[in-house]
Amino acid sequence: MALTSGLSGAYLGGKINLLAHQNQCNQNTKQYLLLPKINQVCQVLVTPNAVWQGSTTGLWMGTILGAFVGGLATRHPPDEDISSDAVKDKDQE
């Protein structure tokens, strides 16, 4: 559960961070209209770092949250009122 969640988080984190960095390239390169293809150059330069940062963050968050949810899903429910059973046993003696 934790591994699947971690890998999903890494993929989604990488995609989200990449889109955020590419959007930042689009906004920052509007002032350089005289230079052709500057937007593509910016996106090529920011892509590896953006994917690395997003994937690492997503992997950590996904793994931690997946382990937490997996722990909750496999937790044994508490026994029926244990204290009342102990009282009943004492009363029968």
Protein backbone atom coordinates (compact mmCIF):
# COMPACT_ATOMS: atom_id res chain seq x y z
CA MET A 1 0.00 0.00 0.00
CA ALA A 2 2.74 2.43 0.95
CA LEU A 3 4.83 1.62 -2.12
CA THR A 4 1.93 2.06 -4.51
CA SER A 5 0.96 5.30 -2.86
CA GLY A 6 4.57 6.49 -2.94
CA LEU A 7 5.00 5.76 -6.63
CA SER A 8 1.70 7.43 -7.46
CA GLY A 9 2.71 10.43 -5.40
CA ALA A 10 6.07 10.61 -7.18
CA TYR A 11 4.40 10.59 -10.59
CA LEU A 12 1.78 13.17 -9.68
CA GLY A 13 4.27 15.35 -7.79
CA GLY A 14 6.61 15.39 -10.77
CA LYS A 15 3.81 16.32 -13.16
CA ILE A 16 2.43 19.08 -10.94
CA ASN A 17 5.84 20.60 -10.26
CA LEU A 18 6.75 20.43 -13.96
CA LEU A 19 3.56 22.25 -14.94
CA ALA A 20 4.21 24.91 -12.31
CA HIS A 21 7.75 25.52 -13.55
CA GLN A 22 6.66 25.57 -17.20
CA ASN A 23 3.96 28.09 -16.35
CA GLN A 24 6.60 30.22 -14.67
CA CYS A 25 8.67 30.03 -17.89
CA ASN A 26 5.67 31.17 -19.91
CA GLN A 27 5.12 34.17 -17.66
CA ASN A 28 8.77 35.19 -17.38
CA THR A 29 9.64 34.91 -21.08
CA LYS A 30 6.93 37.30 -22.28
CA GLN A 31 9.29 40.20 -21.68
CA TYR A 32 11.88 38.70 -24.06
CA LEU A 33 9.80 38.85 -27.23
CA LEU A 34 12.83 39.74 -29.34
CA LEU A 35 14.55 36.42 -28.68
CA PRO A 36 12.92 33.56 -30.60
CA LYS A 37 12.46 30.19 -28.90
CA ILE A 38 13.40 31.54 -25.46
CA ASN A 39 10.34 29.85 -23.96
CA GLN A 40 11.45 26.42 -25.22
CA VAL A 41 14.98 26.98 -23.92
CA CYS A 42 13.61 27.92 -20.50
CA GLN A 43 11.41 24.82 -20.39
CA VAL A 44 14.31 22.56 -21.37
CA LEU A 45 16.46 24.03 -18.62
CA VAL A 46 13.87 23.80 -15.82
CA THR A 47 12.38 20.38 -16.67
CA PRO A 48 14.95 18.05 -15.02
CA ASN A 49 15.08 19.97 -11.75
CA ALA A 50 11.30 20.40 -11.62
CA VAL A 51 10.64 16.70 -12.19
CA TRP A 52 13.32 15.71 -9.65
CA GLN A 53 11.97 18.01 -6.93
CA GLY A 54 8.34 17.09 -7.51
CA SER A 55 9.00 13.36 -7.71
CA THR A 56 11.07 13.33 -4.54
CA THR A 57 8.49 15.30 -2.59
CA GLY A 58 5.63 13.19 -3.97
CA LEU A 59 7.46 9.97 -3.17
CA TRP A 60 8.00 10.95 0.47
CA MET A 61 4.49 12.27 0.98
CA GLY A 62 2.86 9.36 -0.81
CA THR A 63 4.84 6.77 1.11
CA ILE A 64 4.12 8.34 4.48
CA LEU A 65 0.42 8.79 3.77
CA GLY A 66 0.19 5.29 2.27
CA ALA A 67 1.79 3.75 5.33
CA PHE A 68 -0.59 5.65 7.58
CA VAL A 69 -3.67 4.59 5.61
CA GLY A 70 -2.37 1.02 5.37
CA GLY A 71 -1.87 0.96 9.12
CA LEU A 72 -5.41 2.16 9.67
CA ALA A 73 -6.81 -0.39 7.23
CA THR A 74 -5.02 -3.35 8.82
CA ARG A 75 -5.54 -2.31 12.44
CA HIS A 76 -7.34 -4.86 14.55
CA PRO A 77 -10.48 -3.52 16.20
CA PRO A 78 -10.33 -3.40 19.97
CA ASP A 79 -11.79 -6.40 21.80
CA GLU A 80 -15.26 -6.20 23.18
CA ASP A 81 -15.45 -4.45 26.52
CA ILE A 82 -12.57 -6.21 28.28
CA SER A 83 -13.19 -4.54 31.63
CA SER A 84 -16.72 -5.96 31.88
CA ASP A 85 -15.39 -9.49 31.19
CA ALA A 86 -12.91 -9.14 34.03
CA VAL A 87 -15.68 -8.03 36.37
CA LYS A 88 -17.87 -10.99 35.34
CA ASP A 89 -15.02 -13.44 36.02
CA LYS A 90 -14.50 -12.02 39.51
CA ASP A 91 -18.23 -12.20 40.26
CA GLN A 92 -18.38 -15.90 39.30
CA GLU A 93 -15.61 -16.82 41.73
